[in-house]
Amino acid sequence: MAPSQSTMLGSVKDIPVGDMNVAKAGDREILLIHLDDGRYALDNFCIHGGCRISNGKLVGETLRCLCHGSVFNVKTGEVLDGPAPSPQPTYSVFVKNGEIFLAP
C-alpha cells in the first residue's frame, strides 16, 4: 500500500511502547497507541459520551475513558466494561519508512 493513498499520522519515534498520541486525519482525531506487539488506532471521541479517550488511562491492552468509565480493548475496540453501547471505532494503520499511516 503506497503512502500516497493513505494519510500520514506521525513518526514511529514519537510514540514509544506503552504510550499514545493523537493525530489528525482530515476532520477526524485518531488516537494512536503503541503496544509491544504493534500500533493500534481508535477514534479519539468515545462512542458513549463524545469525550476524548486520549485523556483516559491506558493499562496493557485496555483504555478507560475518564468521563463515564467505559473500558475498551485498544486492539479491537470491544467494550470490556462500562456504559458504552457499542465498540469504539478502530482504524487500520501501517508503518513505512519510519512513518505511521492510516490505511485507506
N, C-alpha and C. Protein backbone atom coordinates (compact mmCIF):
# COMPACT_ATOMS: atom_id res chain seq x y z
N MET A 1 0.85 -1.17 0.00
CA MET A 1 0.00 0.00 0.00
C MET A 1 0.90 1.23 0.00
N ALA A 2 0.71 2.12 -0.93
CA ALA A 2 1.57 3.29 -1.05
C ALA A 2 1.09 4.41 -0.16
N PRO A 3 2.02 5.13 0.49
CA PRO A 3 1.63 6.24 1.35
C PRO A 3 0.80 7.30 0.63
N SER A 4 0.96 7.46 -0.68
CA SER A 4 0.19 8.46 -1.41
C SER A 4 -1.31 8.16 -1.37
N GLN A 5 -1.67 6.91 -1.07
CA GLN A 5 -3.07 6.52 -0.98
C GLN A 5 -3.57 6.55 0.46
N SER A 6 -2.72 6.94 1.38
CA SER A 6 -3.05 6.89 2.80
C SER A 6 -2.73 8.23 3.46
N THR A 7 -3.19 8.38 4.68
CA THR A 7 -2.92 9.59 5.45
C THR A 7 -1.81 9.33 6.45
N MET A 8 -0.76 10.15 6.40
CA MET A 8 0.32 10.01 7.37
C MET A 8 -0.13 10.59 8.71
N LEU A 9 0.10 9.82 9.78
CA LEU A 9 -0.34 10.24 11.11
C LEU A 9 0.81 10.68 12.01
N GLY A 10 2.03 10.30 11.67
CA GLY A 10 3.16 10.70 12.50
C GLY A 10 4.31 9.74 12.38
N SER A 11 5.33 10.00 13.16
CA SER A 11 6.55 9.21 13.14
C SER A 11 6.51 8.16 14.25
N VAL A 12 7.10 6.99 13.97
CA VAL A 12 7.14 5.94 14.99
C VAL A 12 7.95 6.39 16.21
N LYS A 13 8.93 7.24 16.01
CA LYS A 13 9.77 7.68 17.14
C LYS A 13 9.02 8.59 18.12
N ASP A 14 7.87 9.11 17.71
CA ASP A 14 7.09 10.00 18.57
C ASP A 14 6.19 9.27 19.56
N ILE A 15 6.05 7.94 19.39
CA ILE A 15 5.16 7.17 20.27
C ILE A 15 5.90 5.94 20.77
N PRO A 16 6.53 6.03 21.94
CA PRO A 16 7.21 4.86 22.49
C PRO A 16 6.22 3.78 22.93
N VAL A 17 6.72 2.57 23.11
CA VAL A 17 5.89 1.46 23.57
C VAL A 17 5.21 1.84 24.89
N GLY A 18 3.91 1.56 24.97
CA GLY A 18 3.14 1.86 26.17
C GLY A 18 2.59 3.27 26.20
N ASP A 19 2.73 4.00 25.11
CA ASP A 19 2.28 5.39 25.06
C ASP A 19 1.23 5.56 23.97
N MET A 20 0.62 6.74 23.95
CA MET A 20 -0.37 7.06 22.94
C MET A 20 -0.23 8.52 22.53
N ASN A 21 -0.77 8.83 21.34
CA ASN A 21 -0.65 10.16 20.79
C ASN A 21 -1.84 10.40 19.86
N VAL A 22 -2.30 11.64 19.79
CA VAL A 22 -3.42 11.99 18.92
C VAL A 22 -2.89 12.57 17.62
N ALA A 23 -3.49 12.14 16.51
CA ALA A 23 -3.14 12.66 15.19
C ALA A 23 -4.43 13.07 14.48
N LYS A 24 -4.31 13.98 13.55
CA LYS A 24 -5.46 14.42 12.75
C LYS A 24 -5.44 13.70 11.41
N ALA A 25 -6.60 13.29 10.97
CA ALA A 25 -6.79 12.71 9.64
C ALA A 25 -8.02 13.39 9.05
N GLY A 26 -7.79 14.47 8.33
CA GLY A 26 -8.91 15.28 7.85
C GLY A 26 -9.60 15.92 9.03
N ASP A 27 -10.91 15.67 9.18
CA ASP A 27 -11.65 16.24 10.30
C ASP A 27 -11.76 15.26 11.47
N ARG A 28 -11.06 14.13 11.39
CA ARG A 28 -11.09 13.13 12.46
C ARG A 28 -9.87 13.24 13.36
N GLU A 29 -10.07 12.94 14.64
CA GLU A 29 -8.95 12.80 15.58
C GLU A 29 -8.77 11.30 15.80
N ILE A 30 -7.55 10.84 15.55
CA ILE A 30 -7.22 9.42 15.68
C ILE A 30 -6.27 9.26 16.86
N LEU A 31 -6.60 8.36 17.76
CA LEU A 31 -5.71 8.06 18.88
C LEU A 31 -4.83 6.88 18.50
N LEU A 32 -3.52 7.12 18.43
CA LEU A 32 -2.56 6.07 18.12
C LEU A 32 -2.01 5.51 19.42
N ILE A 33 -1.93 4.20 19.50
CA ILE A 33 -1.44 3.53 20.70
C ILE A 33 -0.37 2.54 20.28
N HIS A 34 0.77 2.59 20.96
CA HIS A 34 1.88 1.68 20.65
C HIS A 34 2.02 0.66 21.77
N LEU A 35 1.71 -0.59 21.45
CA LEU A 35 1.88 -1.69 22.39
C LEU A 35 3.08 -2.53 21.97
N ASP A 36 3.50 -3.46 22.81
CA ASP A 36 4.63 -4.33 22.50
C ASP A 36 4.49 -5.02 21.15
N ASP A 37 3.27 -5.40 20.80
CA ASP A 37 3.07 -6.19 19.59
C ASP A 37 2.60 -5.39 18.37
N GLY A 38 2.56 -4.06 18.47
CA GLY A 38 2.19 -3.27 17.30
C GLY A 38 1.55 -1.94 17.66
N ARG A 39 1.06 -1.29 16.62
CA ARG A 39 0.41 0.01 16.77
C ARG A 39 -1.07 -0.13 16.43
N TYR A 40 -1.88 0.57 17.20
CA TYR A 40 -3.33 0.47 17.06
C TYR A 40 -3.91 1.87 17.00
N ALA A 41 -5.09 2.00 16.39
CA ALA A 41 -5.72 3.31 16.23
C ALA A 41 -7.21 3.22 16.53
N LEU A 42 -7.66 4.18 17.32
CA LEU A 42 -9.08 4.29 17.69
C LEU A 42 -9.55 5.71 17.39
N ASP A 43 -10.85 5.85 17.19
CA ASP A 43 -11.42 7.19 17.12
C ASP A 43 -11.19 7.84 18.48
N ASN A 44 -10.78 9.09 18.51
CA ASN A 44 -10.45 9.73 19.78
C ASN A 44 -11.67 10.18 20.58
N PHE A 45 -12.85 10.12 19.99
CA PHE A 45 -14.05 10.53 20.72
C PHE A 45 -14.84 9.29 21.13
N CYS A 46 -15.06 9.15 22.42
CA CYS A 46 -15.74 7.98 22.98
C CYS A 46 -17.12 7.80 22.34
N ILE A 47 -17.39 6.58 21.95
CA ILE A 47 -18.67 6.22 21.33
C ILE A 47 -19.84 6.49 22.27
N HIS A 48 -19.58 6.50 23.58
CA HIS A 48 -20.65 6.68 24.57
C HIS A 48 -21.00 8.14 24.79
N GLY A 49 -20.01 8.94 25.19
CA GLY A 49 -20.33 10.32 25.57
C GLY A 49 -19.61 11.40 24.78
N GLY A 50 -18.80 11.01 23.81
CA GLY A 50 -18.12 12.01 22.99
C GLY A 50 -16.88 12.61 23.63
N CYS A 51 -16.48 12.13 24.78
CA CYS A 51 -15.27 12.63 25.44
C CYS A 51 -14.03 12.15 24.68
N ARG A 52 -12.95 12.87 24.82
CA ARG A 52 -11.69 12.44 24.20
C ARG A 52 -11.09 11.30 25.04
N ILE A 53 -10.97 10.13 24.42
CA ILE A 53 -10.43 8.99 25.15
C ILE A 53 -8.92 9.09 25.34
N SER A 54 -8.29 10.04 24.64
CA SER A 54 -6.86 10.26 24.84
C SER A 54 -6.57 10.76 26.25
N ASN A 55 -7.59 11.25 26.94
CA ASN A 55 -7.44 11.67 28.34
C ASN A 55 -7.58 10.49 29.29
N GLY A 56 -7.87 9.31 28.73
CA GLY A 56 -8.11 8.13 29.54
C GLY A 56 -6.85 7.47 30.03
N LYS A 57 -7.05 6.34 30.71
CA LYS A 57 -5.94 5.60 31.31
C LYS A 57 -5.68 4.32 30.53
N LEU A 58 -4.47 4.21 29.99
CA LEU A 58 -4.05 3.03 29.25
C LEU A 58 -3.38 2.06 30.20
N VAL A 59 -3.90 0.83 30.26
CA VAL A 59 -3.31 -0.24 31.08
C VAL A 59 -3.26 -1.48 30.21
N GLY A 60 -2.06 -1.87 29.80
CA GLY A 60 -1.92 -3.01 28.92
C GLY A 60 -2.66 -2.77 27.62
N GLU A 61 -3.61 -3.67 27.31
CA GLU A 61 -4.39 -3.56 26.08
C GLU A 61 -5.74 -2.88 26.30
N THR A 62 -5.93 -2.24 27.46
CA THR A 62 -7.21 -1.61 27.75
C THR A 62 -7.05 -0.11 27.94
N LEU A 63 -8.12 0.59 27.61
CA LEU A 63 -8.16 2.04 27.78
C LEU A 63 -9.48 2.40 28.45
N ARG A 64 -9.39 3.10 29.59
CA ARG A 64 -10.58 3.53 30.32
C ARG A 64 -10.84 5.00 30.01
N CYS A 65 -12.04 5.29 29.51
CA CYS A 65 -12.47 6.66 29.27
C CYS A 65 -12.75 7.29 30.63
N LEU A 66 -12.16 8.45 30.89
CA LEU A 66 -12.31 9.08 32.20
C LEU A 66 -13.66 9.75 32.40
N CYS A 67 -14.42 9.99 31.34
CA CYS A 67 -15.71 10.67 31.50
C CYS A 67 -16.76 9.81 32.19
N HIS A 68 -16.95 8.58 31.70
CA HIS A 68 -18.00 7.74 32.25
C HIS A 68 -17.55 6.33 32.60
N GLY A 69 -16.25 6.06 32.44
CA GLY A 69 -15.70 4.81 32.90
C GLY A 69 -15.73 3.63 31.94
N SER A 70 -16.16 3.83 30.71
CA SER A 70 -16.14 2.71 29.77
C SER A 70 -14.70 2.25 29.55
N VAL A 71 -14.53 0.94 29.44
CA VAL A 71 -13.21 0.35 29.20
C VAL A 71 -13.25 -0.37 27.86
N PHE A 72 -12.27 -0.08 27.01
CA PHE A 72 -12.21 -0.65 25.67
C PHE A 72 -10.93 -1.44 25.48
N ASN A 73 -11.01 -2.50 24.68
CA ASN A 73 -9.82 -3.19 24.22
C ASN A 73 -9.27 -2.35 23.08
N VAL A 74 -8.00 -1.90 23.17
CA VAL A 74 -7.46 -0.99 22.16
C VAL A 74 -7.19 -1.69 20.84
N LYS A 75 -7.09 -3.01 20.83
CA LYS A 75 -6.84 -3.73 19.59
C LYS A 75 -8.11 -3.92 18.77
N THR A 76 -9.23 -4.12 19.45
CA THR A 76 -10.48 -4.45 18.76
C THR A 76 -11.57 -3.40 18.91
N GLY A 77 -11.44 -2.53 19.89
CA GLY A 77 -12.48 -1.56 20.19
C GLY A 77 -13.59 -2.13 21.06
N GLU A 78 -13.51 -3.42 21.37
CA GLU A 78 -14.55 -4.10 22.16
C GLU A 78 -14.75 -3.41 23.51
N VAL A 79 -16.02 -3.28 23.92
CA VAL A 79 -16.36 -2.74 25.23
C VAL A 79 -16.14 -3.84 26.26
N LEU A 80 -15.28 -3.61 27.22
CA LEU A 80 -15.00 -4.58 28.27
C LEU A 80 -15.75 -4.27 29.55
N ASP A 81 -16.11 -2.99 29.73
CA ASP A 81 -16.83 -2.57 30.93
C ASP A 81 -17.39 -1.18 30.70
N GLY A 82 -18.48 -0.89 31.35
CA GLY A 82 -19.00 0.47 31.34
C GLY A 82 -20.23 0.68 30.50
N PRO A 83 -20.64 1.93 30.43
CA PRO A 83 -21.91 2.23 29.77
C PRO A 83 -21.86 2.33 28.25
N ALA A 84 -20.70 2.24 27.61
CA ALA A 84 -20.66 2.35 26.15
C ALA A 84 -21.55 1.29 25.52
N PRO A 85 -22.42 1.68 24.57
CA PRO A 85 -23.38 0.76 23.98
C PRO A 85 -22.81 -0.11 22.86
N SER A 86 -21.68 0.27 22.31
CA SER A 86 -21.11 -0.46 21.18
C SER A 86 -19.60 -0.26 21.16
N PRO A 87 -18.89 -1.04 20.36
CA PRO A 87 -17.43 -0.94 20.32
C PRO A 87 -16.95 0.44 19.87
N GLN A 88 -15.79 0.80 20.34
CA GLN A 88 -15.15 2.04 19.93
C GLN A 88 -14.61 1.83 18.50
N PRO A 89 -14.87 2.74 17.57
CA PRO A 89 -14.36 2.58 16.21
C PRO A 89 -12.83 2.49 16.17
N THR A 90 -12.34 1.53 15.39
CA THR A 90 -10.91 1.33 15.22
C THR A 90 -10.53 1.59 13.77
N TYR A 91 -9.24 1.80 13.55
CA TYR A 91 -8.71 2.04 12.21
C TYR A 91 -7.48 1.17 12.00
N SER A 92 -7.25 0.79 10.76
CA SER A 92 -6.04 0.05 10.42
C SER A 92 -4.92 1.04 10.13
N VAL A 93 -3.75 0.74 10.67
CA VAL A 93 -2.57 1.57 10.42
C VAL A 93 -1.42 0.67 9.97
N PHE A 94 -0.45 1.26 9.31
CA PHE A 94 0.75 0.54 8.93
C PHE A 94 1.93 1.49 9.01
N VAL A 95 3.13 0.90 9.09
CA VAL A 95 4.36 1.68 9.18
C VAL A 95 5.16 1.49 7.91
N LYS A 96 5.66 2.60 7.38
CA LYS A 96 6.54 2.55 6.22
C LYS A 96 7.57 3.66 6.36
N ASN A 97 8.83 3.28 6.24
CA ASN A 97 9.94 4.23 6.32
C ASN A 97 9.89 5.07 7.60
N GLY A 98 9.52 4.45 8.71
CA GLY A 98 9.51 5.13 9.99
C GLY A 98 8.32 6.03 10.25
N GLU A 99 7.34 6.02 9.35
CA GLU A 99 6.15 6.84 9.50
C GLU A 99 4.91 5.93 9.66
N ILE A 100 3.94 6.43 10.41
CA ILE A 100 2.69 5.69 10.63
C ILE A 100 1.63 6.27 9.71
N PHE A 101 0.95 5.37 9.00
CA PHE A 101 -0.08 5.77 8.06
C PHE A 101 -1.42 5.13 8.42
N LEU A 102 -2.49 5.89 8.19
CA LEU A 102 -3.85 5.38 8.30
C LEU A 102 -4.17 4.71 6.98
N ALA A 103 -4.53 3.44 7.02
CA ALA A 103 -4.88 2.71 5.80
C ALA A 103 -6.15 3.31 5.20
N PRO A 104 -6.21 3.35 3.86
CA PRO A 104 -7.41 3.93 3.22
C PRO A 104 -8.64 3.06 3.42
